[in-house]
Amino acid sequence: MPSNTRKTRHSRRAFLGTVTAGAASLALAPGEKAAAEAATAELARSAVRDHFWIFTVPAGLDNPSLELGKCHGGSRMTPAEGAFYLNIPNLLLIRSNNLPRLPDSEPGRAKTSFEQYATSFQPLDRVVWSVVGSGGAGGMAELPYVLSLAKKFNNISGIYLDDFIIDVKKRADGRTLGRPALHPSELKLAREKLKSLGRPMDIWVTLYSHELLPKHSAHIGCDPPLAKFLDLFDVLTLWTWNANELPKLEESLAALESIAPKNRRIALGMYIWDFPNSRPVPLDLMRHQCELGLKWLKEKRIQEMIFLANTVLDIGAPGGQFARDWIAKVGHDPL
C-alpha cells in the first residue's frame, strides 16, 4: 500500500508539472511552442522503460536467417505485437525487402501499407520510420513519403538511416571503404525538410562497432570519415554485429564517445539473434548487454536502448523471454 501511495503522489506531481508547462506554452509562437512541448515530454520520461525501443521489420522477414540456425517454422510476430510483447512504448520501423510497400506502388488501396502500419502504432509514444532501410536501401526519394505520414500521425518523431555505409570496396592500399547512404549535403537538406512539420524530428543512424574500431579485423571505413559529419545526426545507435564481440562493448562505446558531438544522443542496440553465427545470442551475453546498457543509461553515457527484433521474439529464443522478464523487472525504475 505505501508503494502505491508513492506512485500516486509521483504521478500527481508529474501531471501538475505537465499542466503548468502546457499552460505556459500557450503564449509561445508556434516554433517555440513545439520546442517547449518536446522539452516537457522529455522531462516526463522519468522511468527506464521510457527509453526502451524495439527495432522492427515486417513479420517473417528474418525467417531465412532463422532457418540457417535450424529454427524451423519461422516467426509471425508483427512490429506492433513485438512492442506489445516486450511492453515498451517506442518503436523503430525499418523497411526491408521493399516492405512495407511505398505508397505510390499501391494504387487503388483505401489505406496505404504505410498508413496501416502507422495506425497499429498509434498507442505507442514515439515511432521512428526508416528512410534508409535494411541493407542501405532507399534514400532521399523515400523522405517525402515519411513526411506525409508524419503529418497524419503525431507520434512519428524521426527518421532512421539503417546500414548507413554502402558500396563497400577494398582499395589498393588494403583499406575497406564505403560511402554514406546519404551524403552530408543530403542530410542537411533532409533536416530542412523535417522542419516543415513544425515539431522536433530526430535523425537516427546505425553505426556498427566494426565501423568505429580501426583495428577491428573486419573494419569498414567511410569516405568522407564518419567523425566529420556525425553532428548531422541526433541519435547515434551502436550495434555489435557479432555476439562473440559483446565482451568488448565498453571499448566500442568509448570509440563512439571519442568522435560523437557532445550534444548528440547515443542509443545501445542489442540483438536477440546472433545473425552472423546463426544462433540465439547466448543468455550470458544477452544479460551482459542489458545490464551494461542499464548502467550506462543511469550514468547518462547513453540515452536509449533498442531491442532487435520482433522477428525473433516468438521462436523460443531464450534472449526473447529474458528481455521481456528483464524489462518487466527494471522498466519502472526511476531514471
Protein backbone atom coordinates (compact mmCIF):
# COMPACT_ATOMS: atom_id res chain seq x y z
CA MET A 1 0.00 0.00 0.00
CA PRO A 2 2.70 2.61 0.83
CA SER A 3 4.45 1.99 -2.51
CA ASN A 4 1.18 2.61 -4.38
CA THR A 5 0.77 5.86 -2.47
CA ARG A 6 4.23 6.99 -3.54
CA LYS A 7 3.44 6.19 -7.16
CA THR A 8 0.18 8.17 -6.92
CA ARG A 9 1.95 11.19 -5.49
CA HIS A 10 4.65 10.98 -8.15
CA SER A 11 2.04 10.78 -10.91
CA ARG A 12 0.15 13.75 -9.45
CA ARG A 13 3.33 15.85 -9.38
CA ALA A 14 4.15 14.87 -12.96
CA PHE A 15 0.59 15.70 -14.06
CA LEU A 16 0.63 19.12 -12.38
CA GLY A 17 4.04 19.89 -13.87
CA THR A 18 2.80 18.97 -17.32
CA VAL A 19 -0.32 21.12 -16.96
CA THR A 20 1.76 24.09 -15.81
CA ALA A 21 4.21 23.71 -18.68
CA GLY A 22 1.35 23.26 -21.13
CA ALA A 23 -0.38 26.41 -19.96
CA ALA A 24 2.84 28.39 -20.27
CA SER A 25 3.38 27.13 -23.82
CA LEU A 26 0.08 28.63 -24.99
CA ALA A 27 1.68 32.07 -25.03
CA LEU A 28 4.56 30.99 -27.27
CA ALA A 29 4.99 31.30 -31.01
CA PRO A 30 4.34 28.04 -32.96
CA GLY A 31 8.01 27.10 -33.26
CA GLU A 32 8.72 27.92 -29.63
CA LYS A 33 5.61 26.03 -28.56
CA ALA A 34 6.74 22.86 -30.36
CA ALA A 35 10.15 23.07 -28.69
CA ALA A 36 8.56 23.64 -25.28
CA GLU A 37 6.22 20.68 -25.74
CA ALA A 38 9.17 18.47 -26.73
CA ALA A 39 11.10 19.56 -23.63
CA THR A 40 8.07 18.83 -21.44
CA ALA A 41 7.68 15.38 -22.98
CA GLU A 42 11.37 14.64 -22.36
CA LEU A 43 11.02 15.60 -18.70
CA ALA A 44 8.06 13.23 -18.41
CA ARG A 45 10.27 10.30 -19.50
CA SER A 46 11.41 9.65 -15.97
CA ALA A 47 11.33 5.83 -15.97
CA VAL A 48 13.83 3.44 -17.51
CA ARG A 49 11.11 1.92 -19.72
CA ASP A 50 10.52 5.28 -21.41
CA HIS A 51 13.96 4.97 -23.01
CA PHE A 52 13.43 1.46 -24.40
CA TRP A 53 12.77 0.87 -28.11
CA ILE A 54 12.08 -2.11 -30.34
CA PHE A 55 13.72 -2.34 -33.76
CA THR A 56 11.20 -3.86 -36.18
CA VAL A 57 10.73 -5.06 -39.74
CA PRO A 58 7.64 -6.65 -41.32
CA ALA A 59 6.75 -10.06 -39.89
CA GLY A 60 8.73 -13.06 -41.06
CA LEU A 61 11.46 -11.23 -42.97
CA ASP A 62 14.24 -12.79 -40.87
CA ASN A 63 12.96 -16.33 -41.38
CA PRO A 64 15.77 -17.28 -43.82
CA SER A 65 18.33 -16.40 -41.13
CA LEU A 66 16.39 -18.44 -38.58
CA GLU A 67 16.39 -21.43 -40.93
CA LEU A 68 20.18 -21.25 -41.12
CA GLY A 69 20.16 -21.65 -37.35
CA LYS A 70 17.85 -24.69 -37.64
CA CYS A 71 14.96 -22.73 -36.20
CA HIS A 72 12.23 -24.13 -38.45
CA GLY A 73 8.79 -22.65 -38.95
CA GLY A 74 9.86 -19.04 -38.68
CA SER A 75 8.30 -16.08 -36.90
CA ARG A 76 4.92 -14.43 -37.45
CA MET A 77 5.15 -11.58 -34.92
CA THR A 78 4.36 -8.15 -36.34
CA PRO A 79 6.12 -4.93 -35.29
CA ALA A 80 3.21 -3.75 -33.10
CA GLU A 81 2.93 -7.20 -31.50
CA GLY A 82 6.64 -7.06 -30.69
CA ALA A 83 6.23 -3.78 -28.81
CA PHE A 84 3.18 -5.22 -27.01
CA TYR A 85 5.04 -8.42 -26.07
CA LEU A 86 8.02 -6.55 -24.61
CA ASN A 87 5.76 -3.85 -23.12
CA ILE A 88 7.85 -0.94 -24.32
CA PRO A 89 6.47 2.35 -25.68
CA ASN A 90 8.78 3.24 -28.57
CA LEU A 91 9.33 1.64 -31.98
CA LEU A 92 11.66 1.83 -34.98
CA LEU A 93 10.07 0.68 -38.25
CA ILE A 94 12.68 -0.32 -40.84
CA ARG A 95 11.75 -1.06 -44.45
CA SER A 96 13.23 -4.35 -45.63
CA ASN A 97 12.79 -6.34 -48.87
CA ASN A 98 10.73 -3.39 -50.17
CA LEU A 99 8.19 -3.88 -47.35
CA PRO A 100 6.06 -2.12 -46.37
CA ARG A 101 5.40 -1.10 -49.96
CA LEU A 102 5.88 2.54 -50.90
CA PRO A 103 2.53 4.36 -51.13
CA ASP A 104 2.71 5.20 -54.83
CA SER A 105 3.20 1.50 -55.68
CA GLU A 106 -0.24 0.61 -54.24
CA PRO A 107 -2.87 2.25 -56.47
CA GLY A 108 -6.49 1.69 -55.51
CA ARG A 109 -5.98 0.88 -51.84
CA ALA A 110 -8.28 2.57 -49.33
CA LYS A 111 -5.30 2.88 -46.99
CA THR A 112 -1.64 2.52 -47.92
CA SER A 113 0.52 -0.05 -46.16
CA PHE A 114 2.39 2.87 -44.55
CA GLU A 115 -0.88 4.16 -43.08
CA GLN A 116 -1.94 0.71 -41.90
CA TYR A 117 1.34 0.15 -40.06
CA ALA A 118 1.19 3.65 -38.56
CA THR A 119 -2.38 3.03 -37.40
CA SER A 120 -1.24 -0.05 -35.46
CA PHE A 121 1.46 2.10 -33.83
CA GLN A 122 -0.91 4.80 -32.53
CA PRO A 123 -0.87 3.53 -28.90
CA LEU A 124 2.92 3.98 -28.82
CA ASP A 125 4.67 7.09 -27.54
CA ARG A 126 7.33 7.53 -30.23
CA VAL A 127 7.81 5.99 -33.67
CA VAL A 128 10.81 6.48 -35.95
CA TRP A 129 10.46 5.45 -39.62
CA SER A 130 13.28 4.46 -41.94
CA VAL A 131 14.29 6.46 -44.98
CA VAL A 132 17.40 4.30 -45.48
CA GLY A 133 16.28 0.76 -44.78
CA SER A 134 17.82 -2.68 -44.37
CA GLY A 135 20.93 -3.18 -46.48
CA GLY A 136 21.21 0.57 -47.11
CA ALA A 137 18.23 0.58 -49.49
CA GLY A 138 16.22 3.76 -50.00
CA GLY A 139 17.42 7.32 -49.66
CA MET A 140 16.13 10.84 -50.14
CA ALA A 141 13.41 9.61 -52.51
CA GLU A 142 11.66 7.97 -49.53
CA LEU A 143 11.68 11.08 -47.34
CA PRO A 144 8.51 12.65 -48.86
CA TYR A 145 6.51 9.51 -48.02
CA VAL A 146 7.59 9.65 -44.38
CA LEU A 147 6.94 13.39 -44.16
CA SER A 148 3.43 12.88 -45.50
CA LEU A 149 2.83 10.10 -42.98
CA ALA A 150 4.19 12.16 -40.08
CA LYS A 151 1.68 14.91 -40.88
CA LYS A 152 -1.12 12.41 -40.16
CA PHE A 153 0.45 10.63 -37.17
CA ASN A 154 1.87 12.89 -34.48
CA ASN A 155 3.77 10.16 -32.65
CA ILE A 156 6.19 9.80 -35.57
CA SER A 157 9.19 11.57 -34.10
CA GLY A 158 12.02 10.99 -36.55
CA ILE A 159 13.62 9.17 -39.47
CA TYR A 160 16.02 6.23 -39.35
CA LEU A 161 19.05 5.55 -41.54
CA ASP A 162 19.95 1.87 -41.28
CA ASP A 163 23.07 0.16 -42.70
CA PHE A 164 24.41 3.61 -43.47
CA ILE A 165 27.77 2.77 -45.08
CA ILE A 166 27.16 1.32 -48.56
CA ASP A 167 29.07 0.41 -51.74
CA VAL A 168 31.86 -1.11 -49.66
CA LYS A 169 35.03 -1.94 -51.62
CA LYS A 170 38.60 -2.94 -50.84
CA ARG A 171 41.04 -0.28 -52.00
CA ALA A 172 44.50 -0.75 -53.49
CA ASP A 173 46.08 0.35 -50.20
CA GLY A 174 44.32 -2.51 -48.38
CA ARG A 175 41.67 -0.38 -46.71
CA THR A 176 37.99 -1.33 -46.93
CA LEU A 177 35.90 1.78 -47.52
CA GLY A 178 32.33 2.64 -48.36
CA ARG A 179 30.30 5.80 -48.76
CA PRO A 180 27.37 7.18 -46.76
CA ALA A 181 23.89 6.23 -47.96
CA LEU A 182 23.05 9.93 -47.69
CA HIS A 183 25.78 12.46 -48.46
CA PRO A 184 26.25 15.18 -45.82
CA SER A 185 24.65 17.69 -48.20
CA GLU A 186 21.57 15.42 -48.41
CA LEU A 187 21.46 15.13 -44.62
CA LYS A 188 21.36 18.91 -44.36
CA LEU A 189 18.56 19.05 -46.90
CA ALA A 190 16.65 16.33 -45.01
CA ARG A 191 16.99 18.41 -41.83
CA GLU A 192 15.46 21.43 -43.57
CA LYS A 193 12.57 19.37 -44.94
CA LEU A 194 11.86 17.88 -41.49
CA LYS A 195 11.38 21.40 -40.15
CA SER A 196 8.24 21.70 -42.30
CA LEU A 197 6.40 19.51 -39.77
CA GLY A 198 6.63 22.24 -37.15
CA ARG A 199 7.76 19.90 -34.38
CA PRO A 200 11.11 18.34 -33.41
CA MET A 201 12.09 15.41 -35.64
CA ASP A 202 15.23 13.37 -34.96
CA ILE A 203 17.58 11.73 -37.44
CA TRP A 204 18.83 8.32 -36.27
CA VAL A 205 21.71 6.34 -37.78
CA THR A 206 23.06 2.79 -37.45
CA LEU A 207 26.75 2.54 -36.52
CA TYR A 208 28.47 -0.82 -36.09
CA SER A 209 31.39 -1.45 -33.76
CA HIS A 210 33.47 -2.69 -36.71
CA GLU A 211 32.95 0.71 -38.39
CA LEU A 212 34.23 2.55 -35.31
CA LEU A 213 37.28 0.47 -34.35
CA PRO A 214 40.13 0.95 -36.90
CA LYS A 215 41.99 -2.09 -35.57
CA HIS A 216 38.97 -4.38 -35.97
CA SER A 217 39.75 -7.31 -38.28
CA ALA A 218 36.63 -6.51 -40.32
CA HIS A 219 36.95 -2.73 -40.16
CA ILE A 220 34.92 -0.79 -42.72
CA GLY A 221 35.72 2.88 -43.13
CA CYS A 222 33.68 5.67 -44.65
CA ASP A 223 34.64 8.29 -47.19
CA PRO A 224 34.14 11.02 -46.02
CA PRO A 225 35.04 9.90 -42.47
CA LEU A 226 32.08 9.50 -40.11
CA ALA A 227 33.67 11.77 -37.50
CA LYS A 228 33.42 14.71 -39.89
CA PHE A 229 29.62 14.72 -40.09
CA LEU A 230 28.20 12.97 -37.02
CA ASP A 231 26.87 16.37 -35.96
CA LEU A 232 24.23 15.99 -38.69
CA PHE A 233 22.52 13.20 -36.71
CA ASP A 234 20.55 13.42 -33.46
CA VAL A 235 20.79 9.79 -32.29
CA LEU A 236 23.82 7.57 -32.89
CA THR A 237 22.91 3.91 -32.44
CA LEU A 238 25.72 1.49 -31.56
CA TRP A 239 25.44 -2.14 -32.70
CA THR A 240 27.69 -5.19 -32.22
CA TRP A 241 27.04 -7.40 -35.24
CA ASN A 242 28.86 -10.48 -33.94
CA ALA A 243 27.74 -11.57 -30.46
CA ASN A 244 31.21 -13.00 -29.76
CA GLU A 245 32.42 -9.40 -29.53
CA LEU A 246 29.94 -8.30 -26.85
CA PRO A 247 32.56 -8.65 -24.07
CA LYS A 248 34.30 -5.68 -25.79
CA LEU A 249 31.20 -3.48 -25.61
CA GLU A 250 32.95 -0.95 -23.37
CA GLU A 251 35.67 -0.47 -25.99
CA SER A 252 33.06 0.08 -28.69
CA LEU A 253 31.17 2.72 -26.70
CA ALA A 254 34.41 4.52 -25.85
CA ALA A 255 35.29 4.62 -29.56
CA LEU A 256 31.92 6.18 -30.38
CA GLU A 257 32.14 8.64 -27.48
CA SER A 258 35.57 9.77 -28.73
CA ILE A 259 34.10 11.05 -32.01
CA ALA A 260 30.48 11.84 -31.09
CA PRO A 261 29.49 15.51 -30.71
CA LYS A 262 28.61 16.25 -27.10
CA ASN A 263 25.02 17.24 -27.84
CA ARG A 264 24.16 14.01 -29.69
CA ARG A 265 22.29 11.15 -28.04
CA ILE A 266 23.67 7.60 -28.09
CA ALA A 267 21.47 4.50 -28.21
CA LEU A 268 22.69 0.98 -27.49
CA GLY A 269 21.37 -1.56 -29.99
CA MET A 270 21.00 -5.12 -28.68
CA TYR A 271 20.49 -8.18 -30.86
CA ILE A 272 18.48 -11.13 -29.56
CA TRP A 273 19.50 -13.31 -32.53
CA ASP A 274 23.19 -13.60 -33.47
CA PHE A 275 22.87 -13.31 -37.26
CA PRO A 276 26.48 -13.95 -38.36
CA ASN A 277 26.65 -17.10 -36.23
CA SER A 278 23.06 -18.26 -36.98
CA ARG A 279 22.06 -18.78 -33.36
CA PRO A 280 20.31 -17.03 -30.49
CA VAL A 281 22.53 -14.61 -28.57
CA PRO A 282 23.83 -16.69 -25.62
CA LEU A 283 21.95 -15.89 -22.45
CA ASP A 284 25.04 -14.71 -20.54
CA LEU A 285 25.83 -12.22 -23.31
CA MET A 286 22.19 -11.11 -23.51
CA ARG A 287 22.28 -10.38 -19.79
CA HIS A 288 25.65 -8.65 -20.17
CA GLN A 289 24.47 -6.17 -22.81
CA CYS A 290 21.19 -5.44 -21.00
CA GLU A 291 22.78 -4.82 -17.61
CA LEU A 292 25.68 -2.82 -19.01
CA GLY A 293 23.24 -0.75 -21.06
CA LEU A 294 21.14 -0.01 -17.99
CA LYS A 295 24.27 1.07 -16.11
CA TRP A 296 25.22 3.42 -18.93
CA LEU A 297 21.67 4.74 -19.13
CA LYS A 298 21.75 5.67 -15.44
CA GLU A 299 25.20 7.21 -15.87
CA LYS A 300 23.84 9.19 -18.87
CA ARG A 301 26.53 7.79 -21.19
CA ILE A 302 23.66 6.59 -23.38
CA GLN A 303 20.09 7.88 -23.66
CA GLU A 304 18.20 4.99 -25.31
CA MET A 305 18.28 1.16 -25.51
CA ILE A 306 16.99 -0.81 -28.52
CA PHE A 307 15.93 -4.48 -28.68
CA LEU A 308 16.14 -6.24 -32.07
CA ALA A 309 13.72 -7.53 -33.20
CA ASN A 310 10.04 -8.52 -33.41
CA THR A 311 11.04 -11.27 -35.87
CA VAL A 312 12.83 -13.36 -33.21
CA LEU A 313 10.58 -12.89 -30.17
CA ASP A 314 8.15 -15.76 -30.85
CA ILE A 315 10.55 -18.55 -31.84
CA GLY A 316 11.63 -19.69 -28.38
CA ALA A 317 14.99 -17.90 -28.31
CA PRO A 318 15.98 -17.60 -24.63
CA GLY A 319 17.01 -13.97 -25.12
CA GLY A 320 13.46 -13.00 -26.08
CA GLN A 321 11.95 -14.30 -22.85
CA PHE A 322 14.88 -12.88 -20.89
CA ALA A 323 14.35 -9.43 -22.42
CA ARG A 324 10.63 -9.50 -21.59
CA ASP A 325 11.22 -10.54 -17.97
CA TRP A 326 14.11 -8.11 -17.54
CA ILE A 327 12.09 -5.17 -18.89
CA ALA A 328 9.25 -6.04 -16.50
CA LYS A 329 11.75 -6.05 -13.64
CA VAL A 330 13.62 -2.80 -14.34
CA GLY A 331 11.31 -0.85 -16.64
CA HIS A 332 9.53 1.18 -13.96
CA ASP A 333 12.72 2.11 -12.08
CA PRO A 334 13.22 5.89 -11.91
CA LEU A 335 15.91 7.34 -14.10
